[in-house]
N, C-alpha and C. Protein backbone atom coordinates (compact mmCIF):
# COMPACT_ATOMS: atom_id res chain seq x y z
N CYS A 1 6.52 11.65 8.68
CA CYS A 1 6.00 10.36 9.13
C CYS A 1 6.84 9.79 10.25
N GLY A 2 8.04 10.31 10.46
CA GLY A 2 8.90 9.79 11.51
C GLY A 2 9.78 8.64 11.07
N ILE A 3 9.71 8.25 9.81
CA ILE A 3 10.48 7.12 9.32
C ILE A 3 11.65 7.59 8.47
N CYS A 4 11.39 8.46 7.51
CA CYS A 4 12.42 8.91 6.60
C CYS A 4 13.56 9.59 7.36
N GLY A 5 14.77 9.32 6.92
CA GLY A 5 15.94 9.94 7.53
C GLY A 5 16.54 9.16 8.69
N LYS A 6 15.92 8.06 9.09
CA LYS A 6 16.50 7.24 10.15
C LYS A 6 17.76 6.58 9.61
N GLN A 7 18.77 6.47 10.44
CA GLN A 7 20.05 5.93 10.01
C GLN A 7 20.17 4.42 10.21
N ALA A 8 19.43 3.86 11.17
CA ALA A 8 19.51 2.43 11.45
C ALA A 8 18.16 1.92 11.91
N LEU A 9 17.94 0.62 11.75
CA LEU A 9 16.66 0.05 12.15
C LEU A 9 16.39 0.22 13.64
N LYS A 10 17.45 0.19 14.45
CA LYS A 10 17.25 0.37 15.89
C LYS A 10 16.67 1.75 16.21
N ASP A 11 16.84 2.71 15.28
CA ASP A 11 16.29 4.05 15.47
C ASP A 11 14.79 4.12 15.17
N LEU A 12 14.28 3.09 14.51
CA LEU A 12 12.88 3.06 14.10
C LEU A 12 12.06 2.31 15.14
N VAL A 13 11.14 3.01 15.75
CA VAL A 13 10.25 2.39 16.71
C VAL A 13 8.83 2.50 16.18
N VAL A 14 8.28 1.37 15.77
CA VAL A 14 6.92 1.31 15.28
C VAL A 14 6.20 0.32 16.18
N SER A 15 5.20 0.80 16.89
CA SER A 15 4.52 -0.09 17.82
C SER A 15 3.02 -0.06 17.58
N GLY A 16 2.39 -1.04 18.14
CA GLY A 16 0.94 -1.15 18.03
C GLY A 16 0.53 -2.59 17.89
N GLU A 17 -0.75 -2.81 17.97
CA GLU A 17 -1.29 -4.16 17.83
C GLU A 17 -1.13 -4.63 16.40
N LYS A 18 -0.78 -5.90 16.25
CA LYS A 18 -0.71 -6.52 14.93
C LYS A 18 -2.08 -6.40 14.27
N ILE A 19 -2.09 -6.10 12.99
CA ILE A 19 -3.35 -5.97 12.27
C ILE A 19 -4.00 -7.34 12.11
N ASN A 20 -5.27 -7.42 12.41
CA ASN A 20 -6.04 -8.64 12.27
C ASN A 20 -7.22 -8.34 11.37
N LEU A 21 -7.16 -8.79 10.15
CA LEU A 21 -8.17 -8.44 9.15
C LEU A 21 -9.41 -9.31 9.31
N PRO A 22 -10.58 -8.69 9.46
CA PRO A 22 -11.82 -9.46 9.64
C PRO A 22 -12.49 -9.87 8.33
N TYR A 23 -11.85 -9.63 7.20
CA TYR A 23 -12.43 -9.98 5.90
C TYR A 23 -11.30 -10.38 4.96
N ALA A 24 -11.64 -10.90 3.79
CA ALA A 24 -10.63 -11.34 2.83
C ALA A 24 -10.71 -10.53 1.55
N LEU A 25 -9.63 -10.49 0.83
CA LEU A 25 -9.53 -9.81 -0.45
C LEU A 25 -9.69 -10.85 -1.55
N ALA A 26 -10.62 -10.63 -2.45
CA ALA A 26 -10.78 -11.51 -3.60
C ALA A 26 -9.71 -11.15 -4.63
N ALA A 27 -8.93 -12.12 -5.03
CA ALA A 27 -7.81 -11.88 -5.94
C ALA A 27 -8.24 -11.22 -7.24
N GLN A 28 -9.42 -11.55 -7.74
CA GLN A 28 -9.85 -10.98 -9.02
C GLN A 28 -10.10 -9.48 -8.94
N ASN A 29 -10.27 -8.93 -7.75
CA ASN A 29 -10.52 -7.50 -7.61
C ASN A 29 -9.25 -6.65 -7.73
N ILE A 30 -8.10 -7.27 -7.57
CA ILE A 30 -6.84 -6.52 -7.62
C ILE A 30 -6.63 -5.89 -8.98
N GLN A 31 -6.84 -6.64 -10.04
CA GLN A 31 -6.65 -6.10 -11.38
C GLN A 31 -7.59 -4.92 -11.64
N ALA A 32 -8.82 -5.03 -11.20
CA ALA A 32 -9.79 -3.94 -11.40
C ALA A 32 -9.35 -2.69 -10.64
N MET A 33 -8.82 -2.85 -9.42
CA MET A 33 -8.35 -1.69 -8.66
C MET A 33 -7.16 -1.04 -9.35
N PHE A 34 -6.24 -1.84 -9.92
CA PHE A 34 -5.10 -1.27 -10.64
C PHE A 34 -5.55 -0.53 -11.90
N GLU A 35 -6.59 -1.00 -12.54
CA GLU A 35 -7.11 -0.30 -13.71
C GLU A 35 -7.63 1.08 -13.31
N VAL A 36 -8.29 1.17 -12.17
CA VAL A 36 -8.77 2.47 -11.66
C VAL A 36 -7.57 3.37 -11.35
N LEU A 37 -6.56 2.81 -10.70
CA LEU A 37 -5.35 3.58 -10.39
C LEU A 37 -4.74 4.15 -11.67
N GLN A 38 -4.58 3.31 -12.68
CA GLN A 38 -3.95 3.75 -13.93
C GLN A 38 -4.78 4.81 -14.65
N GLU A 39 -6.09 4.72 -14.58
CA GLU A 39 -6.95 5.73 -15.21
C GLU A 39 -6.71 7.12 -14.63
N HIS A 40 -6.35 7.19 -13.34
CA HIS A 40 -6.17 8.46 -12.66
C HIS A 40 -4.73 8.97 -12.66
N GLN A 41 -3.81 8.26 -13.26
CA GLN A 41 -2.40 8.66 -13.24
C GLN A 41 -2.10 9.67 -14.35
N LYS A 42 -2.58 10.86 -14.18
CA LYS A 42 -2.41 11.91 -15.20
C LYS A 42 -0.96 12.37 -15.33
N ALA A 43 -0.27 12.57 -14.21
CA ALA A 43 1.13 13.01 -14.27
C ALA A 43 2.00 11.95 -14.92
N PHE A 44 1.74 10.69 -14.63
CA PHE A 44 2.51 9.61 -15.24
C PHE A 44 2.27 9.56 -16.75
N LYS A 45 1.03 9.73 -17.16
CA LYS A 45 0.70 9.72 -18.59
C LYS A 45 1.42 10.85 -19.32
N ASN A 46 1.57 11.99 -18.67
CA ASN A 46 2.21 13.14 -19.30
C ASN A 46 3.73 13.09 -19.26
N SER A 47 4.29 12.47 -18.21
CA SER A 47 5.74 12.53 -18.04
C SER A 47 6.43 11.17 -18.04
N GLY A 48 5.71 10.12 -17.65
CA GLY A 48 6.34 8.81 -17.51
C GLY A 48 7.26 8.74 -16.31
N GLY A 49 7.26 9.79 -15.47
CA GLY A 49 8.23 9.86 -14.39
C GLY A 49 7.64 10.10 -13.02
N SER A 50 6.45 9.60 -12.77
CA SER A 50 5.88 9.80 -11.43
C SER A 50 5.32 8.49 -10.91
N HIS A 51 5.14 8.45 -9.61
CA HIS A 51 4.56 7.29 -8.94
C HIS A 51 3.17 7.67 -8.45
N ALA A 52 2.37 6.65 -8.20
CA ALA A 52 1.03 6.88 -7.66
C ALA A 52 0.78 5.94 -6.50
N ALA A 53 -0.06 6.40 -5.60
CA ALA A 53 -0.56 5.57 -4.51
C ALA A 53 -2.07 5.81 -4.45
N ALA A 54 -2.80 4.74 -4.22
CA ALA A 54 -4.25 4.85 -4.12
C ALA A 54 -4.71 4.03 -2.93
N ILE A 55 -5.76 4.50 -2.30
CA ILE A 55 -6.37 3.77 -1.19
C ILE A 55 -7.82 3.48 -1.55
N PHE A 56 -8.19 2.23 -1.35
CA PHE A 56 -9.55 1.76 -1.59
C PHE A 56 -10.15 1.26 -0.29
N ASN A 57 -11.47 1.29 -0.20
CA ASN A 57 -12.13 0.73 0.98
C ASN A 57 -12.35 -0.77 0.77
N ARG A 58 -12.97 -1.44 1.73
CA ARG A 58 -13.13 -2.89 1.64
C ARG A 58 -14.11 -3.31 0.55
N LYS A 59 -14.88 -2.36 0.00
CA LYS A 59 -15.79 -2.67 -1.11
C LYS A 59 -15.15 -2.30 -2.45
N ASN A 60 -13.84 -2.08 -2.43
CA ASN A 60 -13.04 -1.77 -3.62
C ASN A 60 -13.37 -0.41 -4.24
N LYS A 61 -13.91 0.50 -3.45
CA LYS A 61 -14.21 1.85 -3.91
C LYS A 61 -12.99 2.74 -3.66
N LEU A 62 -12.61 3.49 -4.69
CA LEU A 62 -11.47 4.40 -4.58
C LEU A 62 -11.80 5.51 -3.59
N LEU A 63 -10.94 5.68 -2.59
CA LEU A 63 -11.10 6.76 -1.62
C LEU A 63 -10.19 7.94 -1.94
N SER A 64 -8.98 7.63 -2.44
CA SER A 64 -8.04 8.71 -2.74
C SER A 64 -6.92 8.17 -3.62
N ILE A 65 -6.43 9.03 -4.48
CA ILE A 65 -5.24 8.72 -5.29
C ILE A 65 -4.40 9.98 -5.37
N LYS A 66 -3.09 9.80 -5.25
CA LYS A 66 -2.16 10.93 -5.34
C LYS A 66 -0.92 10.48 -6.11
N GLU A 67 -0.31 11.43 -6.79
CA GLU A 67 0.92 11.16 -7.54
C GLU A 67 2.05 12.04 -7.02
N ASP A 68 3.27 11.55 -7.20
CA ASP A 68 4.45 12.33 -6.83
C ASP A 68 5.65 11.67 -7.51
N ILE A 69 6.72 12.40 -7.65
CA ILE A 69 7.93 11.82 -8.22
C ILE A 69 8.52 10.76 -7.28
N GLY A 70 8.21 10.87 -5.99
CA GLY A 70 8.71 9.90 -5.02
C GLY A 70 7.62 8.94 -4.55
N ARG A 71 7.94 7.66 -4.49
CA ARG A 71 6.98 6.65 -4.03
C ARG A 71 6.47 6.97 -2.63
N HIS A 72 7.40 7.29 -1.74
CA HIS A 72 7.03 7.56 -0.34
C HIS A 72 6.16 8.79 -0.23
N ASN A 73 6.46 9.81 -1.04
CA ASN A 73 5.66 11.03 -1.01
C ASN A 73 4.24 10.76 -1.47
N ALA A 74 4.08 9.93 -2.49
CA ALA A 74 2.74 9.59 -2.96
C ALA A 74 1.95 8.89 -1.86
N VAL A 75 2.60 8.00 -1.12
CA VAL A 75 1.94 7.31 -0.01
C VAL A 75 1.58 8.30 1.09
N ASP A 76 2.51 9.19 1.43
CA ASP A 76 2.22 10.21 2.45
C ASP A 76 1.02 11.07 2.04
N LYS A 77 0.98 11.45 0.77
CA LYS A 77 -0.11 12.32 0.29
C LYS A 77 -1.47 11.63 0.37
N VAL A 78 -1.52 10.36 -0.02
CA VAL A 78 -2.81 9.67 -0.03
C VAL A 78 -3.30 9.41 1.39
N ILE A 79 -2.40 9.08 2.30
CA ILE A 79 -2.78 8.89 3.70
C ILE A 79 -3.20 10.24 4.30
N GLY A 80 -2.44 11.28 4.02
CA GLY A 80 -2.79 12.61 4.52
C GLY A 80 -4.13 13.10 4.00
N ASP A 81 -4.42 12.81 2.74
CA ASP A 81 -5.71 13.20 2.16
C ASP A 81 -6.86 12.56 2.94
N LEU A 82 -6.72 11.29 3.26
CA LEU A 82 -7.79 10.62 4.02
C LEU A 82 -7.86 11.11 5.46
N LEU A 83 -6.72 11.47 6.02
CA LEU A 83 -6.73 12.06 7.37
C LEU A 83 -7.53 13.36 7.37
N LEU A 84 -7.27 14.20 6.36
CA LEU A 84 -7.98 15.48 6.26
C LEU A 84 -9.47 15.29 6.04
N LYS A 85 -9.84 14.24 5.33
CA LYS A 85 -11.25 13.96 5.05
C LYS A 85 -11.90 13.13 6.17
N ASN A 86 -11.11 12.78 7.18
CA ASN A 86 -11.58 11.94 8.29
C ASN A 86 -12.10 10.59 7.77
N GLN A 87 -11.39 9.99 6.80
CA GLN A 87 -11.79 8.72 6.20
C GLN A 87 -10.73 7.64 6.33
N LEU A 88 -9.67 7.89 7.08
CA LEU A 88 -8.59 6.90 7.15
C LEU A 88 -9.07 5.57 7.72
N GLY A 89 -10.05 5.60 8.58
CA GLY A 89 -10.60 4.36 9.14
C GLY A 89 -11.27 3.47 8.11
N ASP A 90 -11.60 4.02 6.93
CA ASP A 90 -12.22 3.24 5.86
C ASP A 90 -11.19 2.59 4.94
N ALA A 91 -9.92 2.90 5.13
CA ALA A 91 -8.86 2.42 4.24
C ALA A 91 -8.62 0.92 4.44
N SER A 92 -8.66 0.17 3.34
CA SER A 92 -8.41 -1.26 3.40
C SER A 92 -7.27 -1.71 2.50
N PHE A 93 -7.11 -1.06 1.35
CA PHE A 93 -6.11 -1.46 0.38
C PHE A 93 -5.27 -0.27 -0.03
N LEU A 94 -3.95 -0.42 0.06
CA LEU A 94 -3.02 0.58 -0.44
C LEU A 94 -2.37 0.00 -1.69
N LEU A 95 -2.60 0.62 -2.83
CA LEU A 95 -1.98 0.21 -4.08
C LEU A 95 -0.89 1.20 -4.43
N VAL A 96 0.26 0.68 -4.85
CA VAL A 96 1.37 1.54 -5.23
C VAL A 96 1.89 1.15 -6.60
N SER A 97 2.33 2.15 -7.35
CA SER A 97 2.75 1.93 -8.72
C SER A 97 4.21 1.50 -8.84
N GLY A 98 4.90 1.39 -7.74
CA GLY A 98 6.32 1.01 -7.77
C GLY A 98 6.60 -0.10 -6.79
N ARG A 99 7.84 -0.15 -6.34
CA ARG A 99 8.23 -1.20 -5.39
C ARG A 99 7.86 -0.79 -3.97
N VAL A 100 7.90 -1.78 -3.07
CA VAL A 100 7.54 -1.53 -1.68
C VAL A 100 8.76 -1.76 -0.79
N SER A 101 9.07 -0.76 0.01
CA SER A 101 10.15 -0.82 0.98
C SER A 101 9.55 -0.94 2.38
N TYR A 102 10.42 -1.17 3.37
CA TYR A 102 9.92 -1.29 4.74
C TYR A 102 9.26 0.00 5.21
N GLU A 103 9.70 1.15 4.66
CA GLU A 103 9.09 2.41 5.08
C GLU A 103 7.62 2.48 4.68
N ILE A 104 7.31 2.01 3.49
CA ILE A 104 5.92 2.02 3.03
C ILE A 104 5.08 1.06 3.87
N VAL A 105 5.64 -0.10 4.20
CA VAL A 105 4.92 -1.04 5.07
C VAL A 105 4.68 -0.41 6.44
N SER A 106 5.68 0.27 6.97
CA SER A 106 5.54 0.92 8.28
C SER A 106 4.48 2.01 8.24
N LYS A 107 4.43 2.78 7.17
CA LYS A 107 3.42 3.83 7.04
C LYS A 107 2.02 3.22 6.98
N ALA A 108 1.88 2.12 6.25
CA ALA A 108 0.58 1.44 6.17
C ALA A 108 0.17 0.91 7.55
N PHE A 109 1.13 0.38 8.28
CA PHE A 109 0.83 -0.15 9.61
C PHE A 109 0.37 0.97 10.55
N ILE A 110 1.07 2.08 10.54
CA ILE A 110 0.69 3.20 11.40
C ILE A 110 -0.70 3.71 11.03
N ALA A 111 -1.02 3.67 9.72
CA ALA A 111 -2.34 4.11 9.25
C ALA A 111 -3.39 3.00 9.38
N LYS A 112 -2.97 1.81 9.81
CA LYS A 112 -3.85 0.64 9.98
C LYS A 112 -4.49 0.19 8.66
N ILE A 113 -3.70 0.22 7.59
CA ILE A 113 -4.14 -0.28 6.29
C ILE A 113 -3.64 -1.72 6.18
N PRO A 114 -4.54 -2.70 6.10
CA PRO A 114 -4.14 -4.10 6.22
C PRO A 114 -3.57 -4.76 4.97
N ILE A 115 -3.78 -4.19 3.79
CA ILE A 115 -3.33 -4.86 2.56
C ILE A 115 -2.58 -3.86 1.69
N ILE A 116 -1.38 -4.25 1.25
CA ILE A 116 -0.59 -3.45 0.32
C ILE A 116 -0.40 -4.27 -0.95
N VAL A 117 -0.67 -3.65 -2.09
CA VAL A 117 -0.49 -4.31 -3.38
C VAL A 117 0.37 -3.42 -4.25
N ALA A 118 1.44 -4.00 -4.79
CA ALA A 118 2.38 -3.23 -5.62
C ALA A 118 2.48 -3.83 -7.01
N VAL A 119 2.77 -2.98 -7.96
CA VAL A 119 2.97 -3.43 -9.32
C VAL A 119 4.39 -3.99 -9.51
N SER A 120 5.26 -3.73 -8.54
CA SER A 120 6.65 -4.13 -8.66
C SER A 120 7.06 -4.97 -7.44
N ALA A 121 8.36 -5.04 -7.19
CA ALA A 121 8.92 -5.90 -6.15
C ALA A 121 8.72 -5.34 -4.74
N CYS A 122 8.93 -6.20 -3.78
CA CYS A 122 8.92 -5.84 -2.36
C CYS A 122 10.28 -6.23 -1.79
N SER A 123 10.88 -5.34 -1.01
CA SER A 123 12.18 -5.65 -0.42
C SER A 123 12.03 -6.73 0.64
N SER A 124 13.12 -7.42 0.95
CA SER A 124 13.06 -8.48 1.96
C SER A 124 12.69 -7.90 3.33
N LEU A 125 13.13 -6.70 3.62
CA LEU A 125 12.78 -6.06 4.89
C LEU A 125 11.30 -5.69 4.92
N ALA A 126 10.76 -5.29 3.78
CA ALA A 126 9.32 -5.01 3.70
C ALA A 126 8.53 -6.27 4.00
N VAL A 127 8.98 -7.39 3.47
CA VAL A 127 8.31 -8.68 3.72
C VAL A 127 8.37 -9.02 5.21
N ASP A 128 9.53 -8.86 5.81
CA ASP A 128 9.68 -9.13 7.25
C ASP A 128 8.75 -8.26 8.08
N PHE A 129 8.71 -6.96 7.77
CA PHE A 129 7.84 -6.04 8.51
C PHE A 129 6.37 -6.41 8.32
N ALA A 130 5.99 -6.73 7.08
CA ALA A 130 4.59 -7.08 6.81
C ALA A 130 4.18 -8.32 7.62
N LYS A 131 5.04 -9.30 7.67
CA LYS A 131 4.75 -10.51 8.46
C LYS A 131 4.58 -10.16 9.93
N GLU A 132 5.48 -9.34 10.44
CA GLU A 132 5.43 -8.95 11.86
C GLU A 132 4.21 -8.10 12.18
N PHE A 133 3.82 -7.23 11.27
CA PHE A 133 2.71 -6.30 11.52
C PHE A 133 1.33 -6.88 11.19
N GLY A 134 1.30 -8.03 10.50
CA GLY A 134 0.01 -8.62 10.12
C GLY A 134 -0.56 -8.02 8.85
N ILE A 135 0.30 -7.48 8.01
CA ILE A 135 -0.15 -6.86 6.75
C ILE A 135 -0.01 -7.87 5.61
N CYS A 136 -1.03 -7.96 4.79
CA CYS A 136 -0.96 -8.77 3.59
C CYS A 136 -0.17 -7.97 2.55
N LEU A 137 0.92 -8.55 2.06
CA LEU A 137 1.81 -7.85 1.13
C LEU A 137 1.86 -8.62 -0.19
N ILE A 138 1.50 -7.93 -1.26
CA ILE A 138 1.46 -8.53 -2.58
C ILE A 138 2.30 -7.66 -3.52
N GLY A 139 3.15 -8.29 -4.30
CA GLY A 139 3.96 -7.59 -5.29
C GLY A 139 3.78 -8.18 -6.67
N PHE A 140 4.37 -7.53 -7.64
CA PHE A 140 4.30 -7.96 -9.04
C PHE A 140 2.87 -8.25 -9.48
N ALA A 141 1.92 -7.41 -9.04
CA ALA A 141 0.51 -7.56 -9.43
C ALA A 141 0.34 -7.00 -10.83
N ARG A 142 0.36 -7.89 -11.79
CA ARG A 142 0.28 -7.49 -13.19
C ARG A 142 -0.67 -8.44 -13.90
N GLY A 143 -1.78 -7.91 -14.35
CA GLY A 143 -2.78 -8.76 -14.98
C GLY A 143 -3.35 -9.74 -13.97
N GLU A 144 -3.34 -11.00 -14.32
CA GLU A 144 -3.89 -12.02 -13.44
C GLU A 144 -2.84 -12.66 -12.55
N LYS A 145 -1.58 -12.20 -12.64
CA LYS A 145 -0.51 -12.79 -11.85
C LYS A 145 -0.08 -11.84 -10.74
N MET A 146 0.39 -12.43 -9.64
CA MET A 146 0.90 -11.65 -8.52
C MET A 146 1.74 -12.55 -7.64
N THR A 147 2.55 -11.94 -6.80
CA THR A 147 3.35 -12.68 -5.84
C THR A 147 2.89 -12.29 -4.45
N LEU A 148 2.48 -13.27 -3.68
CA LEU A 148 2.01 -13.03 -2.32
C LEU A 148 3.17 -13.27 -1.36
N TYR A 149 3.59 -12.20 -0.68
CA TYR A 149 4.77 -12.26 0.18
C TYR A 149 4.45 -12.50 1.66
N ALA A 150 3.33 -12.00 2.15
CA ALA A 150 3.07 -12.09 3.58
C ALA A 150 1.57 -12.18 3.85
N ASN A 151 1.23 -12.95 4.83
CA ASN A 151 -0.15 -13.11 5.34
C ASN A 151 -1.14 -13.53 4.24
N PRO A 152 -0.95 -14.71 3.70
CA PRO A 152 -1.82 -15.21 2.62
C PRO A 152 -3.25 -15.49 3.07
N ASN A 153 -3.48 -15.55 4.37
CA ASN A 153 -4.84 -15.83 4.86
C ASN A 153 -5.83 -14.72 4.51
N TYR A 154 -5.36 -13.59 4.05
CA TYR A 154 -6.25 -12.48 3.67
C TYR A 154 -6.77 -12.61 2.25
N LEU A 155 -6.24 -13.57 1.48
CA LEU A 155 -6.55 -13.63 0.06
C LEU A 155 -7.43 -14.83 -0.26
N THR A 156 -8.48 -14.58 -1.04
CA THR A 156 -9.33 -15.66 -1.54
C THR A 156 -9.24 -15.65 -3.06
N LYS A 157 -9.71 -16.72 -3.68
CA LYS A 157 -9.64 -16.81 -5.15
C LYS A 157 -10.71 -16.01 -5.80
């Protein structure tokens, strides 16, 4: 991806137009998308030691889900799957089963995925990157509760 292995932020060059989302995410749909993600987490159910990433389109339809022991690898796999299927342009929501770092935000930005939702925390650098890139960043999405870190204009009730 060009991000992993960088030693300093000055080494990371991520450019492009800020994402401008032409639609909003209904908050009540987040829980339903996480339920779909959890249904497909076979490796996690068997081992308890893997992460998952899933991409949904703007109609909340699952496009791809992948698991890996590494959070970043799961994200790479799900984006790569959609690239191979020529469906990356349909990607609207990236859901991750762990925390979100700036690398995951950068990968979503390069893939032009406007909304990231995590079941866990988001690093302060991830929040800064999301704000700069125009990505809606949500963490601690558990049940009906969530923490909105960046670009709240994308979320409706």
